[in-house]
């Protein structure tokens, strides 16, 4: 099915003039969209494009002479 055919089917579905088989197909597609929404809600938030760009900028402007902070071993951690 091409885009035009899908849009025509969607219009018939909205108007209530599609066949029972077409309605079943559209209902199935809508259910798939709902399932995808449910899966997206359970995902941890992804960094925004702005956050990713800011991180890249910070890495590039960080002076090369600045050493990495020392790693603190587990036995040296304050409790």
C-alpha atoms as a PDB file:
ATOM      1  CA  UNK A   1       0.000   0.000   0.000  1.00  0.00           C
ATOM      2  CA  UNK A   2       1.344   3.415  -0.923  1.00  0.00           C
ATOM      3  CA  UNK A   3       0.938   6.649   1.041  1.00  0.00           C
ATOM      4  CA  UNK A   4      -2.069   7.801  -0.997  1.00  0.00           C
ATOM      5  CA  UNK A   5      -3.828   4.468  -0.494  1.00  0.00           C
ATOM      6  CA  UNK A   6      -3.127   4.583   3.238  1.00  0.00           C
ATOM      7  CA  UNK A   7      -4.484   8.127   3.539  1.00  0.00           C
ATOM      8  CA  UNK A   8      -7.628   7.114   1.631  1.00  0.00           C
ATOM      9  CA  UNK A   9      -8.081   4.121   3.934  1.00  0.00           C
ATOM     10  CA  UNK A  10      -7.540   6.313   6.968  1.00  0.00           C
ATOM     11  CA  UNK A  11     -10.207   8.707   5.716  1.00  0.00           C
ATOM     12  CA  UNK A  12     -12.671   5.835   5.169  1.00  0.00           C
ATOM     13  CA  UNK A  13     -11.852   4.515   8.651  1.00  0.00           C
ATOM     14  CA  UNK A  14     -12.476   7.952  10.149  1.00  0.00           C
ATOM     15  CA  UNK A  15     -15.714   8.343   8.175  1.00  0.00           C
ATOM     16  CA  UNK A  16     -16.866   4.853   9.163  1.00  0.00           C
ATOM     17  CA  UNK A  17     -17.154   3.738   5.537  1.00  0.00           C
ATOM     18  CA  UNK A  18     -14.331   1.169   5.400  1.00  0.00           C
ATOM     19  CA  UNK A  19     -14.971  -2.552   5.135  1.00  0.00           C
ATOM     20  CA  UNK A  20     -14.895  -4.778   8.228  1.00  0.00           C
ATOM     21  CA  UNK A  21     -11.555  -6.201   7.059  1.00  0.00           C
ATOM     22  CA  UNK A  22     -10.108  -2.697   6.608  1.00  0.00           C
ATOM     23  CA  UNK A  23     -11.402  -1.684  10.058  1.00  0.00           C
ATOM     24  CA  UNK A  24      -9.776  -4.765  11.578  1.00  0.00           C
ATOM     25  CA  UNK A  25      -6.477  -3.872   9.900  1.00  0.00           C
ATOM     26  CA  UNK A  26      -6.616  -0.254  11.122  1.00  0.00           C
ATOM     27  CA  UNK A  27      -7.528  -1.360  14.651  1.00  0.00           C
ATOM     28  CA  UNK A  28      -4.546  -3.714  14.594  1.00  0.00           C
ATOM     29  CA  UNK A  29      -2.233  -0.885  13.495  1.00  0.00           C
ATOM     30  CA  UNK A  30      -3.560   1.398  16.218  1.00  0.00           C
ATOM     31  CA  UNK A  31      -3.010  -1.323  18.805  1.00  0.00           C
ATOM     32  CA  UNK A  32       0.609  -1.621  17.637  1.00  0.00           C
ATOM     33  CA  UNK A  33       1.050   2.120  18.182  1.00  0.00           C
ATOM     34  CA  UNK A  34      -0.288   1.797  21.722  1.00  0.00           C
ATOM     35  CA  UNK A  35       2.110  -1.074  22.435  1.00  0.00           C
ATOM     36  CA  UNK A  36       5.043   1.036  21.234  1.00  0.00           C
ATOM     37  CA  UNK A  37       3.919   3.900  23.505  1.00  0.00           C
ATOM     38  CA  UNK A  38       3.814   1.503  26.471  1.00  0.00           C
ATOM     39  CA  UNK A  39       7.346   0.293  25.749  1.00  0.00           C
ATOM     40  CA  UNK A  40       8.622   3.855  25.399  1.00  0.00           C
ATOM     41  CA  UNK A  41       7.220   4.792  28.832  1.00  0.00           C
ATOM     42  CA  UNK A  42       9.304   2.071  30.486  1.00  0.00           C
ATOM     43  CA  UNK A  43      12.594   3.163  28.903  1.00  0.00           C
ATOM     44  CA  UNK A  44      14.967   5.386  30.796  1.00  0.00           C
ATOM     45  CA  UNK A  45      15.041   8.870  29.318  1.00  0.00           C
ATOM     46  CA  UNK A  46      17.555   9.341  26.548  1.00  0.00           C
ATOM     47  CA  UNK A  47      19.796  12.384  26.601  1.00  0.00           C
ATOM     48  CA  UNK A  48      18.486  15.226  24.525  1.00  0.00           C
ATOM     49  CA  UNK A  49      20.331  16.403  21.469  1.00  0.00           C
ATOM     50  CA  UNK A  50      21.243  19.564  23.378  1.00  0.00           C
ATOM     51  CA  UNK A  51      22.781  17.521  26.216  1.00  0.00           C
ATOM     52  CA  UNK A  52      24.810  15.427  23.789  1.00  0.00           C
ATOM     53  CA  UNK A  53      26.098  18.508  21.963  1.00  0.00           C
ATOM     54  CA  UNK A  54      26.974  20.216  25.253  1.00  0.00           C
ATOM     55  CA  UNK A  55      28.931  17.155  26.376  1.00  0.00           C
ATOM     56  CA  UNK A  56      30.883  17.115  23.113  1.00  0.00           C
ATOM     57  CA  UNK A  57      31.651  20.810  23.433  1.00  0.00           C
ATOM     58  CA  UNK A  58      32.869  20.356  26.993  1.00  0.00           C
ATOM     59  CA  UNK A  59      35.160  17.514  25.952  1.00  0.00           C
ATOM     60  CA  UNK A  60      36.659  19.620  23.154  1.00  0.00           C
ATOM     61  CA  UNK A  61      37.260  22.761  25.205  1.00  0.00           C
ATOM     62  CA  UNK A  62      38.680  20.965  28.210  1.00  0.00           C
ATOM     63  CA  UNK A  63      42.350  21.934  28.432  1.00  0.00           C
ATOM     64  CA  UNK A  64      44.635  19.154  27.271  1.00  0.00           C
ATOM     65  CA  UNK A  65      46.996  19.814  30.190  1.00  0.00           C
ATOM     66  CA  UNK A  66      44.299  19.233  32.777  1.00  0.00           C
ATOM     67  CA  UNK A  67      44.860  15.770  34.229  1.00  0.00           C
ATOM     68  CA  UNK A  68      42.032  13.382  34.805  1.00  0.00           C
ATOM     69  CA  UNK A  69      40.831  13.408  38.387  1.00  0.00           C
ATOM     70  CA  UNK A  70      42.398  10.599  40.411  1.00  0.00           C
ATOM     71  CA  UNK A  71      40.338   7.488  40.856  1.00  0.00           C
ATOM     72  CA  UNK A  72      39.352   6.796  44.398  1.00  0.00           C
ATOM     73  CA  UNK A  73      39.668   3.149  45.327  1.00  0.00           C
ATOM     74  CA  UNK A  74      36.811   1.504  47.162  1.00  0.00           C
ATOM     75  CA  UNK A  75      38.795   1.286  50.392  1.00  0.00           C
ATOM     76  CA  UNK A  76      39.504   5.019  50.315  1.00  0.00           C
ATOM     77  CA  UNK A  77      35.882   6.087  50.019  1.00  0.00           C
ATOM     78  CA  UNK A  78      34.345   7.989  52.883  1.00  0.00           C
ATOM     79  CA  UNK A  79      31.474   6.140  54.483  1.00  0.00           C
END
